[in-house]
C-alpha atoms as a PDB file:
ATOM      1  CA  MET A   1     -40.095 -77.873  70.506  1.00  0.00           C
ATOM      2  CA  HIS A   2     -36.898 -79.085  68.759  1.00  0.00           C
ATOM      3  CA  PRO A   3     -34.014 -76.437  68.888  1.00  0.00           C
ATOM      4  CA  GLY A   4     -33.799 -76.512  65.038  1.00  0.00           C
ATOM      5  CA  GLN A   5     -37.463 -75.477  64.897  1.00  0.00           C
ATOM      6  CA  GLN A   6     -36.921 -72.711  67.273  1.00  0.00           C
ATOM      7  CA  LEU A   7     -33.861 -71.576  65.149  1.00  0.00           C
ATOM      8  CA  LEU A   8     -35.977 -71.434  62.002  1.00  0.00           C
ATOM      9  CA  GLY A   9     -38.469 -69.317  63.888  1.00  0.00           C
ATOM     10  CA  VAL A  10     -35.822 -66.911  64.934  1.00  0.00           C
ATOM     11  CA  PHE A  11     -34.354 -66.590  61.442  1.00  0.00           C
ATOM     12  CA  PHE A  12     -37.984 -65.818  60.193  1.00  0.00           C
ATOM     13  CA  VAL A  13     -38.527 -63.222  62.588  1.00  0.00           C
ATOM     14  CA  VAL A  14     -35.088 -61.615  62.200  1.00  0.00           C
ATOM     15  CA  ASN A  15     -35.723 -61.350  58.546  1.00  0.00           C
ATOM     16  CA  LEU A  16     -38.960 -59.769  59.017  1.00  0.00           C
ATOM     17  CA  ALA A  17     -37.365 -57.264  61.411  1.00  0.00           C
ATOM     18  CA  LEU A  18     -34.762 -56.354  58.806  1.00  0.00           C
ATOM     19  CA  ILE A  19     -37.511 -55.689  56.277  1.00  0.00           C
ATOM     20  CA  ALA A  20     -39.253 -53.568  58.750  1.00  0.00           C
ATOM     21  CA  ILE A  21     -36.110 -51.460  59.595  1.00  0.00           C
ATOM     22  CA  LYS A  22     -35.431 -50.935  55.882  1.00  0.00           C
ATOM     23  CA  ARG A  23     -39.016 -49.672  55.278  1.00  0.00           C
ATOM     24  CA  ARG A  24     -38.573 -46.857  57.839  1.00  0.00           C
ATOM     25  CA  ARG A  25     -38.487 -43.356  56.586  1.00  0.00           C
ATOM     26  CA  GLY A  26     -35.610 -41.124  57.375  1.00  0.00           C
ATOM     27  CA  PRO A  27     -31.879 -41.651  57.198  1.00  0.00           C
ATOM     28  CA  ALA A  28     -30.673 -45.214  56.737  1.00  0.00           C
ATOM     29  CA  PRO A  29     -28.942 -46.601  59.822  1.00  0.00           C
ATOM     30  CA  SER A  30     -25.162 -46.799  59.387  1.00  0.00           C
ATOM     31  CA  GLY A  31     -23.395 -50.284  59.632  1.00  0.00           C
ATOM     32  CA  PHE A  32     -24.760 -53.485  58.494  1.00  0.00           C
ATOM     33  CA  ARG A  33     -26.409 -53.325  54.958  1.00  0.00           C
ATOM     34  CA  VAL A  34     -28.318 -55.942  53.087  1.00  0.00           C
ATOM     35  CA  PRO A  35     -30.589 -55.664  50.015  1.00  0.00           C
ATOM     36  CA  THR A  36     -34.423 -56.020  50.972  1.00  0.00           C
ATOM     37  CA  ILE A  37     -34.515 -58.991  48.588  1.00  0.00           C
ATOM     38  CA  VAL A  38     -32.075 -60.929  50.647  1.00  0.00           C
ATOM     39  CA  ALA A  39     -34.131 -60.395  53.779  1.00  0.00           C
ATOM     40  CA  GLY A  40     -37.344 -61.442  51.895  1.00  0.00           C
ATOM     41  CA  LEU A  41     -35.688 -64.526  50.428  1.00  0.00           C
ATOM     42  CA  GLY A  42     -34.395 -65.329  53.955  1.00  0.00           C
ATOM     43  CA  ALA A  43     -37.849 -65.101  55.523  1.00  0.00           C
ATOM     44  CA  LEU A  44     -39.325 -67.077  52.574  1.00  0.00           C
ATOM     45  CA  ALA A  45     -36.711 -69.904  52.984  1.00  0.00           C
ATOM     46  CA  SER A  46     -37.185 -70.040  56.708  1.00  0.00           C
ATOM     47  CA  LEU A  47     -40.951 -70.139  56.376  1.00  0.00           C
ATOM     48  CA  SER A  48     -40.758 -72.864  53.679  1.00  0.00           C
ATOM     49  CA  LEU A  49     -38.465 -75.112  55.878  1.00  0.00           C
ATOM     50  CA  MET A  50     -41.012 -74.765  58.638  1.00  0.00           C
ATOM     51  CA  VAL A  51     -43.295 -76.895  56.361  1.00  0.00           C
ATOM     52  CA  PHE A  52     -41.220 -79.783  57.360  1.00  0.00           C
ATOM     53  CA  VAL A  53     -41.528 -79.305  61.151  1.00  0.00           C
ATOM     54  CA  HIS A  54     -44.312 -80.395  63.482  1.00  0.00           C
ATOM     55  CA  PRO A  55     -47.568 -78.338  62.925  1.00  0.00           C
ATOM     56  CA  ARG A  56     -47.630 -77.450  66.599  1.00  0.00           C
ATOM     57  CA  ALA A  57     -44.101 -75.890  66.357  1.00  0.00           C
ATOM     58  CA  PHE A  58     -45.181 -73.912  63.218  1.00  0.00           C
ATOM     59  CA  LEU A  59     -48.276 -72.557  64.929  1.00  0.00           C
ATOM     60  CA  THR A  60     -46.330 -71.436  67.893  1.00  0.00           C
ATOM     61  CA  VAL A  61     -43.756 -69.589  65.805  1.00  0.00           C
ATOM     62  CA  MET A  62     -46.577 -68.017  63.845  1.00  0.00           C
ATOM     63  CA  ALA A  63     -48.395 -66.953  67.000  1.00  0.00           C
ATOM     64  CA  MET A  64     -45.254 -65.252  68.208  1.00  0.00           C
ATOM     65  CA  VAL A  65     -44.789 -63.386  64.863  1.00  0.00           C
ATOM     66  CA  VAL A  66     -48.335 -62.159  65.040  1.00  0.00           C
ATOM     67  CA  LEU A  67     -47.932 -60.950  68.697  1.00  0.00           C
ATOM     68  CA  GLY A  68     -44.862 -59.279  67.659  1.00  0.00           C
ATOM     69  CA  MET A  69     -46.305 -57.698  64.713  1.00  0.00           C
ATOM     70  CA  SER A  70     -49.328 -56.526  66.791  1.00  0.00           C
ATOM     71  CA  PHE A  71     -46.913 -54.755  69.211  1.00  0.00           C
ATOM     72  CA  MET A  72     -45.164 -53.237  66.419  1.00  0.00           C
ATOM     73  CA  GLY A  73     -48.456 -51.913  64.954  1.00  0.00           C
ATOM     74  CA  MET A  74     -49.659 -50.489  68.259  1.00  0.00           C
ATOM     75  CA  ARG A  75     -46.302 -48.671  68.631  1.00  0.00           C
ATOM     76  CA  TRP A  76     -46.532 -47.354  65.127  1.00  0.00           C
ATOM     77  CA  MET A  77     -50.064 -46.204  65.719  1.00  0.00           C
ATOM     78  CA  GLY A  78     -49.075 -44.460  68.905  1.00  0.00           C
ATOM     79  CA  ARG A  79     -46.491 -42.523  66.963  1.00  0.00           C
ATOM     80  CA  SER A  80     -48.814 -41.536  64.118  1.00  0.00           C
ATOM     81  CA  THR A  81     -51.458 -40.329  66.350  1.00  0.00           C
ATOM     82  CA  SER A  82     -49.195 -38.259  68.789  1.00  0.00           C
ATOM     83  CA  SER A  83     -48.713 -34.701  67.517  1.00  0.00           C
ATOM     84  CA  THR A  84     -45.623 -32.656  68.295  1.00  0.00           C
ATOM     85  CA  PRO A  85     -46.004 -28.823  68.935  1.00  0.00           C
END
């Protein structure tokens, strides 16, 4: 996989993570702030540029995204089913 392809995949995942952080309930984390639309456009731009890379590289990045989202979902499900006394 070409380093540029890997970098596009990293940008895509980072933007998705930023969107996930912004969707959390509770107090907003201090420090770096960016509008959700910027993160969404960044993810969309990275994904659209991935169209121009080799299909195998695209599928590899998408598999990593699905795996990461699965772990995030399992973690979220674990939090929502646990009860605090």
